[in-house]
PDB file of N, CA and C in Angstrom:
ATOM      1  N   MET A   1      68.495  26.272-179.717  1.00  0.00           N
ATOM      2  CA  MET A   1      68.470  27.323-178.706  1.00  0.00           C
ATOM      3  C   MET A   1      69.126  28.579-179.274  1.00  0.00           C
ATOM      4  N   ILE A   2      68.449  29.691-179.196  1.00  0.00           N
ATOM      5  CA  ILE A   2      68.965  30.976-179.672  1.00  0.00           C
ATOM      6  C   ILE A   2      69.836  31.592-178.576  1.00  0.00           C
ATOM      7  N   THR A   3      71.030  32.026-178.959  1.00  0.00           N
ATOM      8  CA  THR A   3      71.950  32.644-178.002  1.00  0.00           C
ATOM      9  C   THR A   3      72.066  34.141-178.287  1.00  0.00           C
ATOM     10  N   ARG A   4      72.661  34.852-177.369  1.00  0.00           N
ATOM     11  CA  ARG A   4      72.906  36.290-177.567  1.00  0.00           C
ATOM     12  C   ARG A   4      73.782  36.506-178.799  1.00  0.00           C
ATOM     13  N   ASP A   5      74.743  35.591-179.013  1.00  0.00           N
ATOM     14  CA  ASP A   5      75.615  35.702-180.185  1.00  0.00           C
ATOM     15  C   ASP A   5      74.812  35.556-181.476  1.00  0.00           C
ATOM     16  N   ASP A   6      73.794  34.679-181.468  1.00  0.00           N
ATOM     17  CA  ASP A   6      72.928  34.530-182.638  1.00  0.00           C
ATOM     18  C   ASP A   6      72.191  35.844-182.920  1.00  0.00           C
ATOM     19  N   VAL A   7      71.667  36.443-181.874  1.00  0.00           N
ATOM     20  CA  VAL A   7      70.930  37.703-182.024  1.00  0.00           C
ATOM     21  C   VAL A   7      71.877  38.802-182.508  1.00  0.00           C
ATOM     22  N   LYS A   8      73.078  38.854-181.965  1.00  0.00           N
ATOM     23  CA  LYS A   8      74.071  39.841-182.408  1.00  0.00           C
ATOM     24  C   LYS A   8      74.391  39.654-183.886  1.00  0.00           C
ATOM     25  N   HIS A   9      74.547  38.384-184.295  1.00  0.00           N
ATOM     26  CA  HIS A   9      74.887  38.084-185.684  1.00  0.00           C
ATOM     27  C   HIS A   9      73.768  38.532-186.629  1.00  0.00           C
ATOM     28  N   VAL A  10      72.532  38.207-186.293  1.00  0.00           N
ATOM     29  CA  VAL A  10      71.394  38.607-187.129  1.00  0.00           C
ATOM     30  C   VAL A  10      71.287  40.134-187.168  1.00  0.00           C
ATOM     31  N   ALA A  11      71.502  40.782-186.033  1.00  0.00           N
ATOM     32  CA  ALA A  11      71.457  42.245-185.984  1.00  0.00           C
ATOM     33  C   ALA A  11      72.543  42.838-186.882  1.00  0.00           C
ATOM     34  N   GLN A  12      73.729  42.253-186.850  1.00  0.00           N
ATOM     35  CA  GLN A  12      74.824  42.744-187.686  1.00  0.00           C
ATOM     36  C   GLN A  12      74.473  42.584-189.167  1.00  0.00           C
ATOM     37  N   LEU A  13      73.877  41.450-189.539  1.00  0.00           N
ATOM     38  CA  LEU A  13      73.483  41.245-190.933  1.00  0.00           C
ATOM     39  C   LEU A  13      72.443  42.270-191.372  1.00  0.00           C
ATOM     40  N   ALA A  14      71.591  42.687-190.432  1.00  0.00           N
ATOM     41  CA  ALA A  14      70.548  43.671-190.727  1.00  0.00           C
ATOM     42  C   ALA A  14      71.038  45.104-190.512  1.00  0.00           C
ATOM     43  N   LYS A  15      72.333  45.248-190.235  1.00  0.00           N
ATOM     44  CA  LYS A  15      72.926  46.571-189.996  1.00  0.00           C
ATOM     45  C   LYS A  15      72.271  47.274-188.810  1.00  0.00           C
ATOM     46  N   LEU A  16      71.967  46.504-187.755  1.00  0.00           N
ATOM     47  CA  LEU A  16      71.380  47.051-186.539  1.00  0.00           C
ATOM     48  C   LEU A  16      72.365  46.885-185.395  1.00  0.00           C
ATOM     49  N   SER A  17      72.272  47.748-184.408  1.00  0.00           N
ATOM     50  CA  SER A  17      73.086  47.580-183.211  1.00  0.00           C
ATOM     51  C   SER A  17      72.191  47.783-181.997  1.00  0.00           C
ATOM     52  N   PHE A  18      72.422  46.989-180.982  1.00  0.00           N
ATOM     53  CA  PHE A  18      71.618  47.032-179.771  1.00  0.00           C
ATOM     54  C   PHE A  18      72.525  47.099-178.558  1.00  0.00           C
ATOM     55  N   ASP A  19      72.050  47.777-177.517  1.00  0.00           N
ATOM     56  CA  ASP A  19      72.799  47.778-176.273  1.00  0.00           C
ATOM     57  C   ASP A  19      72.578  46.433-175.574  1.00  0.00           C
ATOM     58  N   GLU A  20      73.329  46.204-174.503  1.00  0.00           N
ATOM     59  CA  GLU A  20      73.297  44.904-173.814  1.00  0.00           C
ATOM     60  C   GLU A  20      71.915  44.588-173.248  1.00  0.00           C
ATOM     61  N   GLU A  21      71.241  45.607-172.726  1.00  0.00           N
ATOM     62  CA  GLU A  21      69.908  45.388-172.146  1.00  0.00           C
ATOM     63  C   GLU A  21      68.917  44.930-173.216  1.00  0.00           C
ATOM     64  N   THR A  22      68.989  45.563-174.390  1.00  0.00           N
ATOM     65  CA  THR A  22      68.094  45.198-175.481  1.00  0.00           C
ATOM     66  C   THR A  22      68.399  43.784-175.976  1.00  0.00           C
ATOM     67  N   LEU A  23      69.681  43.438-176.049  1.00  0.00           N
ATOM     68  CA  LEU A  23      70.048  42.069-176.436  1.00  0.00           C
ATOM     69  C   LEU A  23      69.469  41.055-175.461  1.00  0.00           C
ATOM     70  N   ASP A  24      69.485  41.399-174.174  1.00  0.00           N
ATOM     71  CA  ASP A  24      68.912  40.496-173.165  1.00  0.00           C
ATOM     72  C   ASP A  24      67.407  40.316-173.363  1.00  0.00           C
ATOM     73  N   GLN A  25      66.735  41.338-173.894  1.00  0.00           N
ATOM     74  CA  GLN A  25      65.299  41.235-174.152  1.00  0.00           C
ATOM     75  C   GLN A  25      65.018  40.467-175.448  1.00  0.00           C
ATOM     76  N   PHE A  26      65.824  40.722-176.486  1.00  0.00           N
ATOM     77  CA  PHE A  26      65.590  40.096-177.782  1.00  0.00           C
ATOM     78  C   PHE A  26      65.892  38.602-177.792  1.00  0.00           C
ATOM     79  N   THR A  27      66.860  38.172-177.017  1.00  0.00           N
ATOM     80  CA  THR A  27      67.263  36.768-177.063  1.00  0.00           C
ATOM     81  C   THR A  27      66.109  35.829-176.714  1.00  0.00           C
ATOM     82  N   PRO A  28      65.415  35.997-175.582  1.00  0.00           N
ATOM     83  CA  PRO A  28      64.281  35.106-175.318  1.00  0.00           C
ATOM     84  C   PRO A  28      63.119  35.337-176.288  1.00  0.00           C
ATOM     85  N   ALA A  29      62.948  36.570-176.765  1.00  0.00           N
ATOM     86  CA  ALA A  29      61.875  36.836-177.720  1.00  0.00           C
ATOM     87  C   ALA A  29      62.123  36.085-179.027  1.00  0.00           C
ATOM     88  N   MET A  30      63.361  36.078-179.487  1.00  0.00           N
ATOM     89  CA  MET A  30      63.703  35.328-180.703  1.00  0.00           C
ATOM     90  C   MET A  30      63.490  33.835-180.494  1.00  0.00           C
ATOM     91  N   GLN A  31      63.837  33.344-179.323  1.00  0.00           N
ATOM     92  CA  GLN A  31      63.632  31.923-179.022  1.00  0.00           C
ATOM     93  C   GLN A  31      62.131  31.600-179.044  1.00  0.00           C
ATOM     94  N   ASP A  32      61.311  32.489-178.515  1.00  0.00           N
ATOM     95  CA  ASP A  32      59.855  32.286-178.541  1.00  0.00           C
ATOM     96  C   ASP A  32      59.333  32.236-179.973  1.00  0.00           C
ATOM     97  N   ILE A  33      59.856  33.092-180.826  1.00  0.00           N
ATOM     98  CA  ILE A  33      59.430  33.109-182.233  1.00  0.00           C
ATOM     99  C   ILE A  33      59.798  31.788-182.904  1.00  0.00           C
ATOM    100  N   ILE A  34      61.018  31.327-182.683  1.00  0.00           N
ATOM    101  CA  ILE A  34      61.458  30.047-183.262  1.00  0.00           C
ATOM    102  C   ILE A  34      60.571  28.919-182.754  1.00  0.00           C
ATOM    103  N   HIS A  35      60.232  28.948-181.482  1.00  0.00           N
ATOM    104  CA  HIS A  35      59.378  27.916-180.895  1.00  0.00           C
ATOM    105  C   HIS A  35      57.989  27.927-181.551  1.00  0.00           C
ATOM    106  N   MET A  36      57.432  29.119-181.803  1.00  0.00           N
ATOM    107  CA  MET A  36      56.116  29.211-182.454  1.00  0.00           C
ATOM    108  C   MET A  36      56.168  28.659-183.878  1.00  0.00           C
ATOM    109  N   VAL A  37      57.250  28.957-184.605  1.00  0.00           N
ATOM    110  CA  VAL A  37      57.397  28.448-185.965  1.00  0.00           C
ATOM    111  C   VAL A  37      57.499  26.928-185.950  1.00  0.00           C
ATOM    112  N   GLU A  38      58.215  26.379-184.986  1.00  0.00           N
ATOM    113  CA  GLU A  38      58.318  24.920-184.866  1.00  0.00           C
ATOM    114  C   GLU A  38      56.949  24.297-184.617  1.00  0.00           C
ATOM    115  N   LYS A  39      56.128  24.944-183.791  1.00  0.00           N
ATOM    116  CA  LYS A  39      54.771  24.446-183.547  1.00  0.00           C
ATOM    117  C   LYS A  39      53.950  24.454-184.835  1.00  0.00           C
ATOM    118  N   LEU A  40      54.059  25.544-185.611  1.00  0.00           N
ATOM    119  CA  LEU A  40      53.322  25.636-186.862  1.00  0.00           C
ATOM    120  C   LEU A  40      53.771  24.576-187.866  1.00  0.00           C
ATOM    121  N   GLN A  41      55.058  24.276-187.877  1.00  0.00           N
ATOM    122  CA  GLN A  41      55.569  23.263-188.803  1.00  0.00           C
ATOM    123  C   GLN A  41      55.054  21.872-188.441  1.00  0.00           C
ATOM    124  N   ALA A  42      54.679  21.668-187.201  1.00  0.00           N
ATOM    125  CA  ALA A  42      54.195  20.361-186.756  1.00  0.00           C
ATOM    126  C   ALA A  42      52.727  20.128-187.125  1.00  0.00           C
ATOM    127  N   VAL A  43      52.020  21.173-187.548  1.00  0.00           N
ATOM    128  CA  VAL A  43      50.602  21.051-187.888  1.00  0.00           C
ATOM    129  C   VAL A  43      50.453  20.298-189.206  1.00  0.00           C
ATOM    130  N   ASN A  44      49.548  19.323-189.229  1.00  0.00           N
ATOM    131  CA  ASN A  44      49.295  18.546-190.431  1.00  0.00           C
ATOM    132  C   ASN A  44      48.448  19.382-191.392  1.00  0.00           C
ATOM    133  N   THR A  45      49.021  19.738-192.526  1.00  0.00           N
ATOM    134  CA  THR A  45      48.310  20.550-193.510  1.00  0.00           C
ATOM    135  C   THR A  45      48.042  19.773-194.801  1.00  0.00           C
ATOM    136  N   ASP A  46      48.129  18.448-194.741  1.00  0.00           N
ATOM    137  CA  ASP A  46      47.840  17.634-195.924  1.00  0.00           C
ATOM    138  C   ASP A  46      46.414  17.892-196.383  1.00  0.00           C
ATOM    139  N   GLY A  47      46.249  18.151-197.663  1.00  0.00           N
ATOM    140  CA  GLY A  47      44.925  18.373-198.227  1.00  0.00           C
ATOM    141  C   GLY A  47      44.389  19.777-198.039  1.00  0.00           C
ATOM    142  N   VAL A  48      45.150  20.664-197.400  1.00  0.00           N
ATOM    143  CA  VAL A  48      44.709  22.044-197.207  1.00  0.00           C
ATOM    144  C   VAL A  48      45.223  22.876-198.374  1.00  0.00           C
ATOM    145  N   LYS A  49      44.291  23.497-199.074  1.00  0.00           N
ATOM    146  CA  LYS A  49      44.661  24.317-200.222  1.00  0.00           C
ATOM    147  C   LYS A  49      45.384  25.580-199.734  1.00  0.00           C
ATOM    148  N   PRO A  50      46.534  25.916-200.342  1.00  0.00           N
ATOM    149  CA  PRO A  50      47.269  27.108-199.914  1.00  0.00           C
ATOM    150  C   PRO A  50      46.454  28.385-200.116  1.00  0.00           C
ATOM    151  N   THR A  51      46.590  29.309-199.194  1.00  0.00           N
ATOM    152  CA  THR A  51      45.960  30.616-199.295  1.00  0.00           C
ATOM    153  C   THR A  51      47.083  31.642-199.426  1.00  0.00           C
ATOM    154  N   PHE A  52      47.051  32.382-200.509  1.00  0.00           N
ATOM    155  CA  PHE A  52      48.093  33.365-200.729  1.00  0.00           C
ATOM    156  C   PHE A  52      47.637  34.752-200.341  1.00  0.00           C
ATOM    157  N   HIS A  53      46.336  34.951-200.321  1.00  0.00           N
ATOM    158  CA  HIS A  53      45.799  36.259-199.983  1.00  0.00           C
ATOM    159  C   HIS A  53      44.387  36.068-199.464  1.00  0.00           C
ATOM    160  N   GLY A  54      44.019  36.828-198.472  1.00  0.00           N
ATOM    161  CA  GLY A  54      42.696  36.694-197.879  1.00  0.00           C
ATOM    162  C   GLY A  54      41.580  37.155-198.788  1.00  0.00           C
ATOM    163  N   ASN A  55      41.884  38.057-199.692  1.00  0.00           N
ATOM    164  CA  ASN A  55      40.891  38.550-200.646  1.00  0.00           C
ATOM    165  C   ASN A  55      41.151  37.924-202.003  1.00  0.00           C
ATOM    166  N   GLN A  56      40.139  37.792-202.785  1.00  0.00           N
ATOM    167  CA  GLN A  56      40.289  37.231-204.122  1.00  0.00           C
ATOM    168  C   GLN A  56      40.572  38.341-205.133  1.00  0.00           C
ATOM    169  N   LEU A  57      41.617  39.098-204.863  1.00  0.00           N
ATOM    170  CA  LEU A  57      41.998  40.194-205.749  1.00  0.00           C
ATOM    171  C   LEU A  57      42.948  39.683-206.826  1.00  0.00           C
ATOM    172  N   HIS A  58      42.880  40.295-207.967  1.00  0.00           N
ATOM    173  CA  HIS A  58      43.788  39.939-209.057  1.00  0.00           C
ATOM    174  C   HIS A  58      44.538  41.186-209.480  1.00  0.00           C
ATOM    175  N   ASN A  59      45.834  41.017-209.744  1.00  0.00           N
ATOM    176  CA  ASN A  59      46.629  42.146-210.216  1.00  0.00           C
ATOM    177  C   ASN A  59      46.241  42.499-211.642  1.00  0.00           C
ATOM    178  N   VAL A  60      46.209  43.762-211.923  1.00  0.00           N
ATOM    179  CA  VAL A  60      45.971  44.235-213.270  1.00  0.00           C
ATOM    180  C   VAL A  60      47.290  44.816-213.758  1.00  0.00           C
ATOM    181  N   TYR A  61      47.844  44.197-214.770  1.00  0.00           N
ATOM    182  CA  TYR A  61      49.134  44.622-215.279  1.00  0.00           C
ATOM    183  C   TYR A  61      48.966  45.448-216.550  1.00  0.00           C
ATOM    184  N   ARG A  62      49.808  46.429-216.693  1.00  0.00           N
ATOM    185  CA  ARG A  62      49.817  47.192-217.940  1.00  0.00           C
ATOM    186  C   ARG A  62      50.858  46.557-218.848  1.00  0.00           C
ATOM    187  N   GLU A  63      50.757  46.842-220.117  1.00  0.00           N
ATOM    188  CA  GLU A  63      51.723  46.339-221.073  1.00  0.00           C
ATOM    189  C   GLU A  63      53.066  47.022-220.797  1.00  0.00           C
ATOM    190  N   ASP A  64      54.137  46.265-220.821  1.00  0.00           N
ATOM    191  CA  ASP A  64      55.468  46.788-220.516  1.00  0.00           C
ATOM    192  C   ASP A  64      56.098  47.323-221.796  1.00  0.00           C
ATOM    193  N   ILE A  65      55.970  48.618-221.992  1.00  0.00           N
ATOM    194  CA  ILE A  65      56.474  49.251-223.204  1.00  0.00           C
ATOM    195  C   ILE A  65      57.484  50.321-222.791  1.00  0.00           C
ATOM    196  N   ALA A  66      58.652  50.293-223.402  1.00  0.00           N
ATOM    197  CA  ALA A  66      59.657  51.320-223.146  1.00  0.00           C
ATOM    198  C   ALA A  66      59.206  52.628-223.771  1.00  0.00           C
ATOM    199  N   VAL A  67      59.368  53.711-223.036  1.00  0.00           N
ATOM    200  CA  VAL A  67      58.998  55.033-223.549  1.00  0.00           C
ATOM    201  C   VAL A  67      60.173  55.981-223.342  1.00  0.00           C
ATOM    202  N   GLN A  68      60.234  56.974-224.176  1.00  0.00           N
ATOM    203  CA  GLN A  68      61.278  57.991-224.047  1.00  0.00           C
ATOM    204  C   GLN A  68      60.983  58.844-222.808  1.00  0.00           C
ATOM    205  N   ASN A  69      61.988  59.027-221.941  1.00  0.00           N
ATOM    206  CA  ASN A  69      61.808  59.814-220.735  1.00  0.00           C
ATOM    207  C   ASN A  69      62.451  61.180-220.949  1.00  0.00           C
ATOM    208  N   ASP A  70      61.623  62.181-221.113  1.00  0.00           N
ATOM    209  CA  ASP A  70      62.125  63.535-221.336  1.00  0.00           C
ATOM    210  C   ASP A  70      62.518  64.232-220.037  1.00  0.00           C
ATOM    211  N   HIS A  71      62.215  63.622-218.904  1.00  0.00           N
ATOM    212  CA  HIS A  71      62.465  64.257-217.611  1.00  0.00           C
ATOM    213  C   HIS A  71      63.625  63.606-216.851  1.00  0.00           C
ATOM    214  N   TYR A  72      64.455  62.864-217.569  1.00  0.00           N
ATOM    215  CA  TYR A  72      65.544  62.131-216.937  1.00  0.00           C
ATOM    216  C   TYR A  72      66.508  63.063-216.201  1.00  0.00           C
ATOM    217  N   GLN A  73      66.885  64.156-216.827  1.00  0.00           N
ATOM    218  CA  GLN A  73      67.817  65.092-216.191  1.00  0.00           C
ATOM    219  C   GLN A  73      67.188  65.761-214.969  1.00  0.00           C
ATOM    220  N   ASP A  74      65.869  66.002-215.014  1.00  0.00           N
ATOM    221  CA  ASP A  74      65.173  66.563-213.852  1.00  0.00           C
ATOM    222  C   ASP A  74      65.219  65.579-212.684  1.00  0.00           C
ATOM    223  N   LEU A  75      65.052  64.295-212.996  1.00  0.00           N
ATOM    224  CA  LEU A  75      65.129  63.264-211.962  1.00  0.00           C
ATOM    225  C   LEU A  75      66.516  63.263-211.320  1.00  0.00           C
ATOM    226  N   LEU A  76      67.548  63.251-212.141  1.00  0.00           N
ATOM    227  CA  LEU A  76      68.913  63.250-211.603  1.00  0.00           C
ATOM    228  C   LEU A  76      69.197  64.515-210.804  1.00  0.00           C
ATOM    229  N   ALA A  77      68.642  65.637-211.218  1.00  0.00           N
ATOM    230  CA  ALA A  77      68.865  66.897-210.503  1.00  0.00           C
ATOM    231  C   ALA A  77      68.239  66.862-209.110  1.00  0.00           C
ATOM    232  N   ASN A  78      67.176  66.098-208.927  1.00  0.00           N
ATOM    233  CA  ASN A  78      66.516  66.000-207.622  1.00  0.00           C
ATOM    234  C   ASN A  78      67.135  64.940-206.719  1.00  0.00           C
ATOM    235  N   ALA A  79      67.996  64.096-207.270  1.00  0.00           N
ATOM    236  CA  ALA A  79      68.628  63.035-206.473  1.00  0.00           C
ATOM    237  C   ALA A  79      69.685  63.641-205.552  1.00  0.00           C
ATOM    238  N   PRO A  80      69.839  63.097-204.335  1.00  0.00           N
ATOM    239  CA  PRO A  80      70.866  63.622-203.427  1.00  0.00           C
ATOM    240  C   PRO A  80      72.275  63.491-204.006  1.00  0.00           C
ATOM    241  N   ALA A  81      72.517  62.395-204.774  1.00  0.00           N
ATOM    242  CA  ALA A  81      73.829  62.193-205.392  1.00  0.00           C
ATOM    243  C   ALA A  81      73.643  61.412-206.684  1.00  0.00           C
ATOM    244  N   ALA A  82      74.388  61.797-207.707  1.00  0.00           N
ATOM    245  CA  ALA A  82      74.328  61.101-208.990  1.00  0.00           C
ATOM    246  C   ALA A  82      75.722  61.071-209.590  1.00  0.00           C
ATOM    247  N   GLN A  83      75.989  60.009-210.374  1.00  0.00           N
ATOM    248  CA  GLN A  83      77.288  59.900-211.034  1.00  0.00           C
ATOM    249  C   GLN A  83      77.098  59.101-212.321  1.00  0.00           C
ATOM    250  N   ASP A  84      77.673  59.573-213.405  1.00  0.00           N
ATOM    251  CA  ASP A  84      77.629  58.901-214.705  1.00  0.00           C
ATOM    252  C   ASP A  84      76.205  58.580-215.141  1.00  0.00           C
ATOM    253  N   GLY A  85      75.257  59.470-214.826  1.00  0.00           N
ATOM    254  CA  GLY A  85      73.883  59.280-215.260  1.00  0.00           C
ATOM    255  C   GLY A  85      73.065  58.344-214.385  1.00  0.00           C
ATOM    256  N   TYR A  86      73.600  57.936-213.242  1.00  0.00           N
ATOM    257  CA  TYR A  86      72.897  57.036-212.328  1.00  0.00           C
ATOM    258  C   TYR A  86      72.735  57.697-210.960  1.00  0.00           C
ATOM    259  N   ILE A  87      71.664  57.369-210.271  1.00  0.00           N
ATOM    260  CA  ILE A  87      71.455  57.854-208.901  1.00  0.00           C
ATOM    261  C   ILE A  87      72.329  57.022-207.969  1.00  0.00           C
ATOM    262  N   GLN A  88      73.098  57.683-207.127  1.00  0.00           N
ATOM    263  CA  GLN A  88      73.929  56.984-206.158  1.00  0.00           C
ATOM    264  C   GLN A  88      73.127  56.756-204.885  1.00  0.00           C
ATOM    265  N   VAL A  89      73.268  55.553-204.327  1.00  0.00           N
ATOM    266  CA  VAL A  89      72.602  55.205-203.075  1.00  0.00           C
ATOM    267  C   VAL A  89      73.654  54.680-202.111  1.00  0.00           C
ATOM    268  N   PRO A  90      73.363  54.696-200.794  1.00  0.00           N
ATOM    269  CA  PRO A  90      74.343  54.194-199.818  1.00  0.00           C
ATOM    270  C   PRO A  90      74.621  52.711-200.022  1.00  0.00           C
ATOM    271  N   VAL A  91      75.845  52.306-199.737  1.00  0.00           N
ATOM    272  CA  VAL A  91      76.227  50.901-199.799  1.00  0.00           C
ATOM    273  C   VAL A  91      75.479  50.144-198.707  1.00  0.00           C
ATOM    274  N   ILE A  92      74.833  49.038-199.061  1.00  0.00           N
ATOM    275  CA  ILE A  92      74.148  48.241-198.042  1.00  0.00           C
ATOM    276  C   ILE A  92      74.793  46.877-197.865  1.00  0.00           C
ATOM    277  N   ILE A  93      75.596  46.448-198.837  1.00  0.00           N
ATOM    278  CA  ILE A  93      76.339  45.200-198.694  1.00  0.00           C
ATOM    279  C   ILE A  93      77.810  45.547-198.875  1.00  0.00           C
ATOM    280  N   GLU A  94      78.561  45.335-197.832  1.00  0.00           N
ATOM    281  CA  GLU A  94      79.979  45.670-197.888  1.00  0.00           C
ATOM    282  C   GLU A  94      80.755  44.506-198.463  1.00  0.00           C
ATOM    283  N   GLU A  95      81.990  44.767-198.879  1.00  0.00           N
ATOM    284  CA  GLU A  95      82.823  43.709-199.433  1.00  0.00           C
ATOM    285  C   GLU A  95      82.954  42.558-198.457  1.00  0.00           C
ATOM    286  N   GLY A  96      82.899  41.343-198.977  1.00  0.00           N
ATOM    287  CA  GLY A  96      83.062  40.165-198.142  1.00  0.00           C
ATOM    288  C   GLY A  96      81.767  39.665-197.525  1.00  0.00           C
ATOM    289  N   GLU A  97      80.677  40.413-197.653  1.00  0.00           N
ATOM    290  CA  GLU A  97      79.399  39.971-197.102  1.00  0.00           C
ATOM    291  C   GLU A  97      78.589  39.273-198.163  1.00  0.00           C
ATOM    292  N   GLY A  98      77.692  38.435-197.748  1.00  0.00           N
ATOM    293  CA  GLY A  98      76.755  37.797-198.674  1.00  0.00           C
ATOM    294  C   GLY A  98      77.401  36.675-199.445  1.00  0.00           C
ATOM    295  N   ALA A  99      76.639  36.147-200.386  1.00  0.00           N
ATOM    296  CA  ALA A  99      77.120  35.019-201.173  1.00  0.00           C
ATOM    297  C   ALA A  99      77.781  35.492-202.438  1.00  0.00           C
TER     298      ALA A  99
END
Protein backbone atom coordinates (compact mmCIF):
# COMPACT_ATOMS: atom_id res chain seq x y z
CA MET A 1 0.00 0.00 0.00
CA ILE A 2 1.40 3.39 -1.02
CA THR A 3 1.16 6.06 1.69
CA ARG A 4 1.45 9.84 1.56
CA ASP A 5 4.85 9.45 3.25
CA ASP A 6 5.96 7.18 0.38
CA VAL A 7 4.91 9.80 -2.16
CA LYS A 8 6.66 12.55 -0.16
CA HIS A 9 9.83 10.44 -0.02
CA VAL A 10 9.85 9.77 -3.78
CA ALA A 11 9.14 13.46 -4.45
CA GLN A 12 12.05 14.45 -2.20
CA LEU A 13 14.38 12.05 -4.04
CA ALA A 14 13.27 13.64 -7.33
CA LYS A 15 13.77 17.14 -5.86
CA LEU A 16 10.04 17.88 -6.19
CA SER A 17 7.69 19.47 -3.70
CA PHE A 18 3.92 19.26 -3.65
CA ASP A 19 1.23 20.95 -1.63
CA GLU A 20 -1.09 18.84 0.54
CA GLU A 21 -3.89 18.77 -2.05
CA THR A 22 -1.54 17.47 -4.74
CA LEU A 23 -0.18 14.81 -2.37
CA ASP A 24 -3.76 13.68 -1.77
CA GLN A 25 -4.19 13.27 -5.54
CA PHE A 26 -0.84 11.55 -6.18
CA THR A 27 -1.15 8.96 -3.42
CA PRO A 28 -4.05 6.98 -4.95
CA ALA A 29 -2.62 7.53 -8.45
CA MET A 30 0.70 5.98 -7.38
CA GLN A 31 -1.17 3.07 -5.82
CA ASP A 32 -3.04 2.55 -9.12
CA ILE A 33 0.26 2.50 -11.01
CA ILE A 34 1.72 -0.09 -8.62
CA HIS A 35 -1.45 -2.17 -9.00
CA MET A 36 -1.16 -2.08 -12.83
CA VAL A 37 2.49 -3.17 -12.66
CA GLU A 38 1.53 -6.06 -10.38
CA LYS A 39 -1.09 -7.15 -12.93
CA LEU A 40 1.50 -7.04 -15.72
CA GLN A 41 3.94 -9.10 -13.66
CA ALA A 42 1.27 -11.79 -13.28
CA VAL A 43 0.99 -12.27 -17.07
CA ASN A 44 2.60 -15.48 -18.33
CA THR A 45 5.22 -14.43 -20.88
CA ASP A 46 7.00 -17.79 -21.22
CA GLY A 47 8.06 -18.28 -24.83
CA VAL A 48 7.36 -14.66 -25.80
CA LYS A 49 10.31 -13.11 -27.58
CA PRO A 50 11.28 -9.75 -26.02
CA THR A 51 10.51 -6.63 -28.05
CA PHE A 52 12.89 -3.77 -27.50
CA HIS A 53 11.58 -1.46 -30.17
CA GLY A 54 8.48 -1.42 -32.34
CA ASN A 55 10.49 -0.67 -35.46
CA GLN A 56 13.34 -2.75 -36.78
CA LEU A 57 15.75 0.17 -36.74
CA HIS A 58 19.45 -0.27 -36.21
CA ASN A 59 21.81 2.31 -34.77
CA VAL A 60 24.54 3.52 -37.04
CA TYR A 61 27.64 4.29 -35.05
CA ARG A 62 30.58 6.38 -36.15
CA GLU A 63 34.11 5.43 -35.27
CA ASP A 64 35.09 6.92 -31.89
CA ILE A 65 38.16 8.98 -32.68
CA ALA A 66 39.51 11.75 -30.48
CA VAL A 67 39.96 15.02 -32.35
CA GLN A 68 41.55 18.31 -31.41
CA ASN A 69 38.87 20.82 -30.36
CA ASP A 70 39.87 24.31 -31.43
CA HIS A 71 36.65 25.81 -30.08
CA TYR A 72 37.03 24.71 -26.46
CA GLN A 73 37.48 28.23 -25.10
CA ASP A 74 34.44 29.42 -27.10
CA LEU A 75 32.40 26.65 -25.47
CA LEU A 76 33.53 27.67 -21.98
CA ALA A 77 32.82 31.33 -22.77
CA ASN A 78 29.19 30.45 -23.59
CA ALA A 79 28.69 28.40 -20.41
CA PRO A 80 26.81 30.12 -17.56
CA ALA A 81 29.63 29.13 -15.16
CA ALA A 82 33.03 27.52 -15.62
CA GLN A 83 35.95 26.73 -13.33
CA ASP A 84 39.36 25.15 -13.98
CA GLY A 85 38.46 24.45 -17.61
CA TYR A 86 35.19 22.65 -16.78
CA ILE A 87 31.56 23.73 -17.14
CA GLN A 88 29.92 24.07 -13.73
CA VAL A 89 26.42 22.66 -13.30
CA PRO A 90 24.01 22.79 -10.33
CA VAL A 91 24.43 20.15 -7.63
CA ILE A 92 21.78 17.45 -8.05
CA ILE A 93 22.96 14.99 -5.40
CA GLU A 94 23.66 16.52 -2.04
CA GLU A 95 26.01 15.08 0.56
CA GLY A 96 24.61 12.04 2.31
CA GLU A 97 22.22 11.13 -0.52
CA GLY A 98 22.45 8.09 -2.74
CA ALA A 99 24.65 5.06 -2.41
